[in-house]
Amino acid sequence: MKITVVGGGSTYTPELIEGFARRAQVLPVDELVLHDIDAGRLAVIGALSRRILARHGFPGRLTTTTDLAAAVDGAAAVLVQLRVGGQAARLVDETLPNRFGLLGQETTGPGGFAKALRTVPVVLDIAAEVRRRAEPGAWIVDFTNPVGIVTRALLNAGHRAIGLCNVAIKFQRQLAARFGTDPDRVRLGHAGLNHLSWIRSVTVDGVERLPELLTGDALDDLAAQVRVPAGALRDLGAIPSYYLHYFYCTDDEVRAQQAGAHRADQVIAIEKELLTLYADPGLDRQPELLQQRGGAHYSEAAAALVTSLLTGDGAHHYVNVRNNGVLAGLPDEAVVEIPAQVDASGPHPVPVPPLPPEMLGLVQAVTAYETLTVEAALTGDRTVARRALMANPLVREWARADALLNALLEANRPHLPRYFANEAADA
């Protein structure tokens, strides 16, 4: 069994390797392949990954390569975790919208739109190579943001794909710790879109525990964690994803960003330090600093999901899949983030109660934006791109959308040849 990680030079990779190493008894992997276009980072990450696997006594082998065809050849599953343009592009995503009085964020709002334009064509090219060279029926597991949009593009193109995010599993682990129980005994009524979801029930051994989380100190703790006022959680009767902060507290966040608070600056510094730590030949485990990078519990979620897809264990996961009637009020072709039982045939969604109006309206608006964004990424059509920004609740106004689009396209010119093809032809 061969599993390939595209974007294997990511600083997340050591955590992912730990996840596969811990599952060696239930997921018999003969070969793990790390692929990346950055040979230098790949060498550092690959060496650390080998030391981690050796510590666990992992029986398979680890291969690193910059050759995509070789990486995916014969693979049973391909995980995609890349960032087109690197952290430099992320910094633009987070800062450029501020010039227009808008929120800058790497997956939400106009920054997420720019990331989608850069990312969708690249991931589809990778998926086409997977189709040509991987095992028949190989799974593509997408952890590349914006996950909902990228997964939708993959499914639209007919690929056997499933999207993954760490938000739900992070909440599950934290709530299990609060209740002093095993995470597998905690089930979340987690539903919505990727980075636009709410937890509307929390059961432990089948007993509902959400009401006690929405009172007293527990409520204050959750509100601080998701950066949304406690009163909003009470009104919603739910725990919003921390990405809802950007919708419920937009003005506060824009002011903070315009004062110079951007996550990208922190991540750039953390990644630099992580790569220095990773290069230490004595290091054979993920350092504590990696928890500050984000993506906590990704390894557990990804390794467990791949295990279910390849062994058919039917375990419970939180995944991004076609709606197909699960969330009332959304088209079947929408990609939603919901709980599902997963086996070798794929995800089998758990029934989800209808979203209340205040949640459904926002989800419908963002679904419309995602539909247009996939089209804009594939066509290079500026009119469709403006319509996508107008549909985005964090942009909306045509004049802003028009000026913002021109600035985003110019800032991302090297990554968006579709948008400058006519210009090149005229030259």
Protein backbone atom coordinates (compact mmCIF):
# COMPACT_ATOMS: atom_id res chain seq x y z
CA MET A 1 0.00 0.00 0.00
CA LYS A 2 1.37 3.38 -1.07
CA ILE A 3 0.20 6.72 0.32
CA THR A 4 1.42 10.00 -1.15
CA VAL A 5 1.50 13.47 0.41
CA VAL A 6 1.60 16.29 -2.14
CA GLY A 7 3.02 19.30 -0.36
CA GLY A 8 5.20 17.04 1.76
CA GLY A 9 7.57 19.92 2.45
CA SER A 10 4.92 21.53 4.66
CA THR A 11 5.81 22.12 8.30
CA TYR A 12 2.60 20.17 9.10
CA THR A 13 4.09 16.97 7.67
CA PRO A 14 5.90 15.67 10.80
CA GLU A 15 2.58 15.60 12.66
CA LEU A 16 1.00 13.73 9.76
CA ILE A 17 3.88 11.23 9.74
CA GLU A 18 3.35 10.64 13.45
CA GLY A 19 -0.30 9.90 12.72
CA PHE A 20 0.53 7.24 10.14
CA ALA A 21 3.27 5.75 12.32
CA ARG A 22 0.84 5.31 15.21
CA ARG A 23 -1.62 3.52 12.90
CA ALA A 24 0.83 1.06 11.35
CA GLN A 25 -0.96 -1.91 12.96
CA VAL A 26 -4.33 -1.05 11.39
CA LEU A 27 -3.14 0.62 8.17
CA PRO A 28 -0.39 -1.52 6.65
CA VAL A 29 1.48 1.05 4.56
CA ASP A 30 4.44 -0.23 2.55
CA GLU A 31 5.52 3.18 1.30
CA LEU A 32 4.92 6.78 2.32
CA VAL A 33 5.88 9.31 -0.36
CA LEU A 34 6.49 13.00 0.29
CA HIS A 35 6.33 15.19 -2.81
CA ASP A 36 7.17 18.87 -2.98
CA ILE A 37 8.47 21.35 -5.55
CA ASP A 38 10.88 22.81 -2.96
CA ALA A 39 13.74 20.30 -2.83
CA GLY A 40 15.45 22.06 0.08
CA ARG A 41 12.43 21.97 2.41
CA LEU A 42 11.65 18.45 1.26
CA ALA A 43 15.12 17.24 2.28
CA VAL A 44 14.73 18.69 5.79
CA ILE A 45 11.17 17.39 6.30
CA GLY A 46 12.05 14.01 4.78
CA ALA A 47 15.01 13.48 7.12
CA LEU A 48 12.94 14.34 10.20
CA SER A 49 10.12 12.09 8.97
CA ARG A 50 12.50 9.15 8.66
CA ARG A 51 13.73 9.70 12.22
CA ILE A 52 10.12 9.81 13.48
CA LEU A 53 9.26 6.60 11.66
CA ALA A 54 12.39 4.89 12.98
CA ARG A 55 11.46 5.82 16.55
CA HIS A 56 8.07 4.17 16.05
CA GLY A 57 9.58 1.10 14.39
CA PHE A 58 7.55 1.78 11.25
CA PRO A 59 7.95 -1.23 8.93
CA GLY A 60 7.51 0.57 5.61
CA ARG A 61 9.76 2.98 3.77
CA LEU A 62 9.62 6.70 3.19
CA THR A 63 10.45 8.23 -0.20
CA THR A 64 10.88 11.88 -1.13
CA THR A 65 10.66 13.24 -4.65
CA THR A 66 10.04 16.41 -6.66
CA ASP A 67 8.61 14.29 -9.51
CA LEU A 68 4.81 14.31 -9.25
CA ALA A 69 4.30 11.44 -11.69
CA ALA A 70 6.60 9.17 -9.68
CA ALA A 71 5.04 10.34 -6.42
CA VAL A 72 1.47 9.36 -7.29
CA ASP A 73 2.25 6.29 -9.43
CA GLY A 74 0.41 3.35 -7.90
CA ALA A 75 -0.80 5.30 -4.86
CA ALA A 76 -3.93 4.14 -3.04
CA ALA A 77 -4.51 7.59 -1.50
CA VAL A 78 -3.09 11.03 -2.21
CA LEU A 79 -3.24 13.79 0.41
CA VAL A 80 -2.98 17.34 -0.93
CA GLN A 81 -1.71 20.01 1.48
CA LEU A 82 -0.10 22.75 -0.57
CA ARG A 83 0.04 26.54 -0.62
CA VAL A 84 0.46 28.12 -4.04
CA GLY A 85 2.70 31.16 -3.66
CA GLY A 86 3.81 30.19 -0.14
CA GLN A 87 3.52 32.40 2.91
CA ALA A 88 4.40 35.48 0.84
CA ALA A 89 1.12 35.09 -1.06
CA ARG A 90 -0.70 34.55 2.22
CA LEU A 91 0.64 37.84 3.53
CA VAL A 92 -0.81 39.59 0.47
CA ASP A 93 -4.14 37.83 1.02
CA GLU A 94 -4.25 39.16 4.57
CA THR A 95 -3.06 42.72 3.91
CA LEU A 96 -4.23 43.84 0.48
CA PRO A 97 -7.98 43.85 1.33
CA ASN A 98 -7.26 46.24 4.22
CA ARG A 99 -6.48 48.96 1.66
CA PHE A 100 -10.15 48.82 0.69
CA GLY A 101 -11.46 48.77 4.27
CA LEU A 102 -12.12 45.05 4.02
CA LEU A 103 -11.12 42.05 6.07
CA GLY A 104 -7.98 40.18 5.04
CA GLN A 105 -7.89 36.44 5.78
CA GLU A 106 -6.32 33.52 3.96
CA THR A 107 -9.46 31.42 3.43
CA THR A 108 -12.39 33.73 4.13
CA GLY A 109 -13.43 36.88 2.29
CA PRO A 110 -11.39 38.39 -0.55
CA GLY A 111 -8.11 36.87 0.62
CA GLY A 112 -9.66 33.41 0.46
CA PHE A 113 -10.98 34.28 -2.99
CA ALA A 114 -7.47 35.10 -4.22
CA LYS A 115 -6.16 31.88 -2.70
CA ALA A 116 -8.88 29.90 -4.49
CA LEU A 117 -8.00 31.47 -7.85
CA ARG A 118 -4.36 30.45 -7.39
CA THR A 119 -5.09 27.02 -5.98
CA VAL A 120 -7.94 25.39 -7.89
CA PRO A 121 -6.13 25.03 -11.26
CA VAL A 122 -3.00 23.63 -9.59
CA VAL A 123 -4.91 21.05 -7.56
CA LEU A 124 -6.90 19.98 -10.62
CA ASP A 125 -3.65 19.44 -12.53
CA ILE A 126 -2.39 17.26 -9.67
CA ALA A 127 -5.68 15.36 -9.63
CA ALA A 128 -5.41 14.71 -13.36
CA GLU A 129 -2.01 13.10 -12.76
CA VAL A 130 -3.52 11.02 -9.96
CA ARG A 131 -6.21 9.84 -12.35
CA ARG A 132 -3.59 8.82 -14.90
CA ARG A 133 -1.11 7.10 -12.59
CA ALA A 134 -2.55 6.15 -9.20
CA GLU A 135 -4.37 2.93 -8.44
CA PRO A 136 -7.87 2.68 -9.93
CA GLY A 137 -10.27 4.15 -7.39
CA ALA A 138 -7.54 6.00 -5.48
CA TRP A 139 -8.80 8.62 -3.06
CA ILE A 140 -7.76 12.27 -3.08
CA VAL A 141 -7.97 13.78 0.42
CA ASP A 142 -7.84 17.56 0.28
CA PHE A 143 -6.49 19.57 3.21
CA THR A 144 -5.61 22.49 0.95
CA ASN A 145 -7.55 25.66 1.73
CA PRO A 146 -10.08 26.89 0.93
CA VAL A 147 -11.11 23.26 1.43
CA GLY A 148 -14.78 23.61 0.48
CA ILE A 149 -14.02 25.36 -2.80
CA VAL A 150 -11.12 23.08 -3.74
CA THR A 151 -13.13 19.95 -2.91
CA ARG A 152 -16.04 21.24 -4.97
CA ALA A 153 -13.73 21.79 -7.96
CA LEU A 154 -12.35 18.25 -7.57
CA LEU A 155 -15.80 16.69 -7.39
CA ASN A 156 -17.06 18.78 -10.32
CA ALA A 157 -14.19 17.33 -12.37
CA GLY A 158 -15.24 13.80 -11.45
CA HIS A 159 -12.43 12.94 -9.05
CA ARG A 160 -12.84 10.58 -6.11
CA ALA A 161 -12.20 13.25 -3.52
CA ILE A 162 -13.10 14.19 0.02
CA GLY A 163 -12.25 17.36 1.94
CA LEU A 164 -10.82 17.51 5.43
CA CYS A 165 -10.52 20.26 8.04
CA ASN A 166 -9.26 20.13 11.62
CA VAL A 167 -11.86 22.48 13.16
CA ALA A 168 -14.32 19.78 14.27
CA ILE A 169 -11.72 17.35 15.61
CA LYS A 170 -10.05 20.18 17.52
CA PHE A 171 -13.35 21.00 19.25
CA GLN A 172 -14.02 17.31 19.87
CA ARG A 173 -10.64 16.85 21.59
CA GLN A 174 -11.03 20.00 23.68
CA LEU A 175 -14.55 19.16 24.81
CA ALA A 176 -13.55 15.58 25.62
CA ALA A 177 -10.81 16.96 27.86
CA ARG A 178 -13.32 19.29 29.55
CA PHE A 179 -15.64 16.36 30.28
CA GLY A 180 -12.78 14.04 31.23
CA THR A 181 -13.67 11.40 28.68
CA ASP A 182 -12.33 9.70 25.58
CA PRO A 183 -12.78 11.77 22.38
CA ASP A 184 -14.49 8.85 20.60
CA ARG A 185 -17.32 9.10 23.14
CA VAL A 186 -18.02 12.70 22.11
CA ARG A 187 -20.22 13.42 19.08
CA LEU A 188 -20.71 16.90 17.67
CA GLY A 189 -23.70 18.20 15.77
CA HIS A 190 -21.23 20.03 13.53
CA ALA A 191 -22.69 21.33 10.27
CA GLY A 192 -22.37 24.10 7.70
CA LEU A 193 -19.66 24.84 5.18
CA ASN A 194 -15.91 24.60 5.59
CA HIS A 195 -14.83 27.48 7.86
CA LEU A 196 -18.50 28.42 8.24
CA SER A 197 -19.95 25.86 10.64
CA TRP A 198 -21.73 25.60 13.97
CA ILE A 199 -21.89 22.93 16.68
CA ARG A 200 -25.55 22.60 17.64
CA SER A 201 -25.26 19.55 19.86
CA VAL A 202 -22.55 17.93 21.99
CA THR A 203 -23.33 14.44 23.20
CA VAL A 204 -21.22 12.30 25.50
CA ASP A 205 -22.29 8.64 25.44
CA GLY A 206 -25.52 9.84 23.82
CA VAL A 207 -26.32 12.42 26.55
CA GLU A 208 -26.72 16.04 25.40
CA ARG A 209 -24.22 18.35 27.15
CA LEU A 210 -24.42 21.54 25.06
CA PRO A 211 -26.76 23.50 27.40
CA GLU A 212 -24.24 23.37 30.25
CA LEU A 213 -21.52 24.62 27.89
CA LEU A 214 -23.58 27.72 27.10
CA THR A 215 -23.72 28.97 30.68
CA GLY A 216 -21.28 30.37 33.25
CA ASP A 217 -17.54 29.96 32.99
CA ALA A 218 -17.83 27.33 30.25
CA LEU A 219 -19.62 29.85 28.02
CA ASP A 220 -17.02 32.53 28.72
CA ASP A 221 -14.22 30.09 27.88
CA LEU A 222 -15.82 29.07 24.60
CA ALA A 223 -16.55 32.68 23.65
CA ALA A 224 -12.92 33.61 24.23
CA GLN A 225 -11.76 30.61 22.22
CA VAL A 226 -13.87 31.40 19.15
CA ARG A 227 -13.49 35.19 19.61
CA VAL A 228 -17.24 35.75 19.43
CA PRO A 229 -19.21 37.53 22.22
CA ALA A 230 -20.80 35.21 24.76
CA GLY A 231 -24.18 36.80 24.07
CA ALA A 232 -23.95 35.70 20.45
CA LEU A 233 -23.38 32.09 21.49
CA ARG A 234 -26.40 32.29 23.81
CA ASP A 235 -28.57 33.75 21.05
CA LEU A 236 -27.43 31.14 18.55
CA GLY A 237 -27.74 28.29 21.01
CA ALA A 238 -24.64 26.90 19.38
CA ILE A 239 -20.84 27.02 19.29
CA PRO A 240 -19.70 28.77 16.11
CA SER A 241 -16.46 27.88 14.38
CA TYR A 242 -13.75 30.40 15.21
CA TYR A 243 -13.92 31.49 11.55
CA LEU A 244 -17.35 32.95 12.29
CA HIS A 245 -15.45 35.66 14.18
CA TYR A 246 -14.74 37.21 10.79
CA PHE A 247 -18.48 37.46 10.05
CA TYR A 248 -19.81 38.32 13.51
CA CYS A 249 -17.02 40.76 14.48
CA THR A 250 -15.96 42.09 11.08
CA ASP A 251 -15.41 45.74 12.00
CA ASP A 252 -13.34 44.88 15.08
CA GLU A 253 -11.14 42.55 13.04
CA VAL A 254 -10.62 45.06 10.22
CA ARG A 255 -9.54 47.70 12.74
CA ALA A 256 -7.08 45.26 14.34
CA GLN A 257 -5.66 44.34 10.95
CA GLN A 258 -5.28 47.93 9.86
CA ALA A 259 -3.31 48.46 13.06
CA GLY A 260 -0.89 45.76 11.91
CA ALA A 261 -2.21 42.49 13.41
CA HIS A 262 -1.81 39.77 10.77
CA ARG A 263 -1.49 36.05 11.37
CA ALA A 264 0.78 35.62 8.32
CA ASP A 265 3.61 37.53 10.01
CA GLN A 266 3.45 35.17 12.98
CA VAL A 267 3.33 32.06 10.78
CA ILE A 268 6.33 33.15 8.73
CA ALA A 269 8.37 33.52 11.94
CA ILE A 270 7.10 30.20 13.34
CA GLU A 271 7.89 28.33 10.12
CA LYS A 272 11.42 29.72 10.01
CA GLU A 273 12.05 28.53 13.55
CA LEU A 274 10.40 25.15 12.89
CA LEU A 275 12.60 24.45 9.87
CA THR A 276 15.67 25.23 11.99
CA LEU A 277 14.46 22.78 14.65
CA TYR A 278 13.61 20.15 12.03
CA ALA A 279 17.17 20.29 10.66
CA ASP A 280 18.57 19.07 14.01
CA PRO A 281 19.68 15.45 13.38
CA GLY A 282 18.91 14.62 17.00
CA LEU A 283 15.22 15.54 16.70
CA ASP A 284 12.95 12.52 16.16
CA ARG A 285 9.51 13.87 17.09
CA GLN A 286 7.38 16.91 16.38
CA PRO A 287 8.44 19.86 18.55
CA GLU A 288 5.95 21.66 20.79
CA LEU A 289 6.30 24.78 18.64
CA LEU A 290 4.35 23.03 15.88
CA GLN A 291 1.17 23.43 17.94
CA GLN A 292 1.48 27.20 17.42
CA ARG A 293 1.52 26.74 13.64
CA GLY A 294 -2.18 25.85 13.55
CA GLY A 295 -3.77 22.69 12.23
CA ALA A 296 -3.81 20.96 15.62
CA HIS A 297 -4.98 17.32 15.45
CA TYR A 298 -4.68 17.31 11.66
CA SER A 299 -2.57 14.16 11.86
CA GLU A 300 -5.26 12.34 13.82
CA ALA A 301 -8.00 13.46 11.45
CA ALA A 302 -6.05 12.74 8.24
CA ALA A 303 -4.56 9.39 9.25
CA ALA A 304 -7.89 8.20 10.67
CA LEU A 305 -9.79 9.28 7.54
CA VAL A 306 -7.34 7.54 5.21
CA THR A 307 -7.58 4.44 7.40
CA SER A 308 -11.36 4.41 7.00
CA LEU A 309 -11.17 4.92 3.24
CA LEU A 310 -8.60 2.16 2.73
CA THR A 311 -9.72 -0.39 5.32
CA GLY A 312 -13.46 0.30 5.41
CA ASP A 313 -13.69 0.52 9.20
CA GLY A 314 -16.83 2.69 9.09
CA ALA A 315 -15.53 5.19 11.65
CA HIS A 316 -17.10 8.56 12.41
CA HIS A 317 -15.49 11.64 10.81
CA TYR A 318 -16.22 15.28 10.00
CA VAL A 319 -15.70 15.78 6.30
CA ASN A 320 -16.42 17.98 3.29
CA VAL A 321 -18.70 16.21 0.82
CA ARG A 322 -21.53 16.85 -1.65
CA ASN A 323 -24.67 18.02 0.10
CA ASN A 324 -27.08 15.71 -1.74
CA GLY A 325 -29.99 16.77 0.45
CA VAL A 326 -28.26 16.59 3.82
CA LEU A 327 -28.63 20.30 4.59
CA ALA A 328 -32.07 21.54 3.62
CA GLY A 329 -32.09 24.77 1.63
CA LEU A 330 -28.80 24.13 -0.20
CA PRO A 331 -28.37 22.64 -3.69
CA ASP A 332 -27.29 19.02 -3.92
CA GLU A 333 -24.02 19.99 -5.62
CA ALA A 334 -22.92 22.25 -2.74
CA VAL A 335 -20.02 20.96 -0.65
CA VAL A 336 -20.90 20.91 3.04
CA GLU A 337 -18.96 20.06 6.20
CA ILE A 338 -20.86 17.44 8.17
CA PRO A 339 -20.42 14.26 10.23
CA ALA A 340 -20.27 10.99 8.29
CA GLN A 341 -19.52 7.33 8.70
CA VAL A 342 -16.69 6.49 6.29
CA ASP A 343 -15.85 3.14 4.75
CA ALA A 344 -14.11 1.92 1.59
CA SER A 345 -16.99 3.14 -0.57
CA GLY A 346 -16.65 6.64 0.85
CA PRO A 347 -18.55 8.90 3.26
CA HIS A 348 -22.09 8.15 4.40
CA PRO A 349 -23.46 11.39 5.90
CA VAL A 350 -25.18 11.42 9.26
CA PRO A 351 -28.63 13.13 9.12
CA VAL A 352 -28.42 16.80 10.07
CA PRO A 353 -31.34 18.91 11.38
CA PRO A 354 -32.24 21.94 9.22
CA LEU A 355 -30.23 25.06 9.92
CA PRO A 356 -32.14 27.94 11.52
CA PRO A 357 -32.65 31.08 9.38
CA GLU A 358 -29.70 33.07 10.77
CA MET A 359 -27.33 30.24 9.87
CA LEU A 360 -28.98 29.10 6.65
CA GLY A 361 -29.03 32.58 5.12
CA LEU A 362 -25.31 33.02 5.62
CA VAL A 363 -24.55 29.52 4.34
CA GLN A 364 -26.66 30.10 1.23
CA ALA A 365 -24.84 33.36 0.47
CA VAL A 366 -21.40 31.79 0.88
CA THR A 367 -22.45 28.76 -1.18
CA ALA A 368 -23.36 31.12 -4.03
CA TYR A 369 -19.97 32.79 -3.69
CA GLU A 370 -18.19 29.41 -3.76
CA THR A 371 -20.08 28.37 -6.90
CA LEU A 372 -18.96 31.51 -8.71
CA THR A 373 -15.41 31.27 -7.37
CA VAL A 374 -14.87 27.81 -8.84
CA GLU A 375 -16.04 29.14 -12.21
CA ALA A 376 -13.82 32.22 -11.91
CA ALA A 377 -10.78 30.09 -11.06
CA LEU A 378 -11.26 27.89 -14.12
CA THR A 379 -12.26 30.48 -16.72
CA GLY A 380 -10.24 33.60 -15.95
CA ASP A 381 -13.45 35.55 -16.55
CA ARG A 382 -13.27 38.92 -14.79
CA THR A 383 -17.02 39.41 -14.85
CA VAL A 384 -17.59 36.11 -13.06
CA ALA A 385 -14.84 37.03 -10.60
CA ARG A 386 -16.55 40.34 -9.78
CA ARG A 387 -19.87 38.56 -9.36
CA ALA A 388 -18.19 36.15 -6.93
CA LEU A 389 -16.87 39.04 -4.83
CA MET A 390 -20.28 40.73 -4.89
CA ALA A 391 -21.82 37.49 -3.62
CA ASN A 392 -19.30 37.28 -0.79
CA PRO A 393 -20.91 38.75 2.37
CA LEU A 394 -17.55 40.26 3.36
CA VAL A 395 -17.29 42.31 0.13
CA ARG A 396 -20.75 42.87 -1.51
CA GLU A 397 -20.34 46.40 -2.94
CA TRP A 398 -19.69 46.52 -6.70
CA ALA A 399 -17.28 49.48 -6.61
CA ARG A 400 -15.15 47.79 -3.98
CA ALA A 401 -15.35 44.46 -5.78
CA ASP A 402 -14.21 46.06 -9.05
CA ALA A 403 -11.22 47.93 -7.60
CA LEU A 404 -10.31 45.05 -5.29
CA LEU A 405 -10.36 42.50 -8.10
CA ASN A 406 -7.94 44.54 -10.19
CA ALA A 407 -5.57 44.82 -7.24
CA LEU A 408 -5.82 41.12 -6.33
CA LEU A 409 -5.19 40.00 -9.90
CA GLU A 410 -2.17 42.24 -10.30
CA ALA A 411 -0.70 41.11 -6.97
CA ASN A 412 -1.14 37.48 -8.05
CA ARG A 413 -0.19 37.92 -11.71
CA PRO A 414 2.49 35.15 -11.77
CA HIS A 415 -0.07 32.60 -10.52
CA LEU A 416 -3.07 33.60 -12.66
CA PRO A 417 -2.15 33.17 -16.33
CA ARG A 418 -5.81 32.75 -17.34
CA TYR A 419 -6.52 36.33 -16.35
CA PHE A 420 -3.69 37.74 -18.44
CA ALA A 421 -3.85 35.45 -21.47
CA ASN A 422 -5.34 38.09 -23.80
CA GLU A 423 -2.76 40.61 -22.67
CA ALA A 424 0.02 38.16 -23.50
CA ALA A 425 -1.54 37.39 -26.90
CA ASP A 426 -1.77 41.11 -27.78
CA ALA A 427 1.90 41.56 -26.88
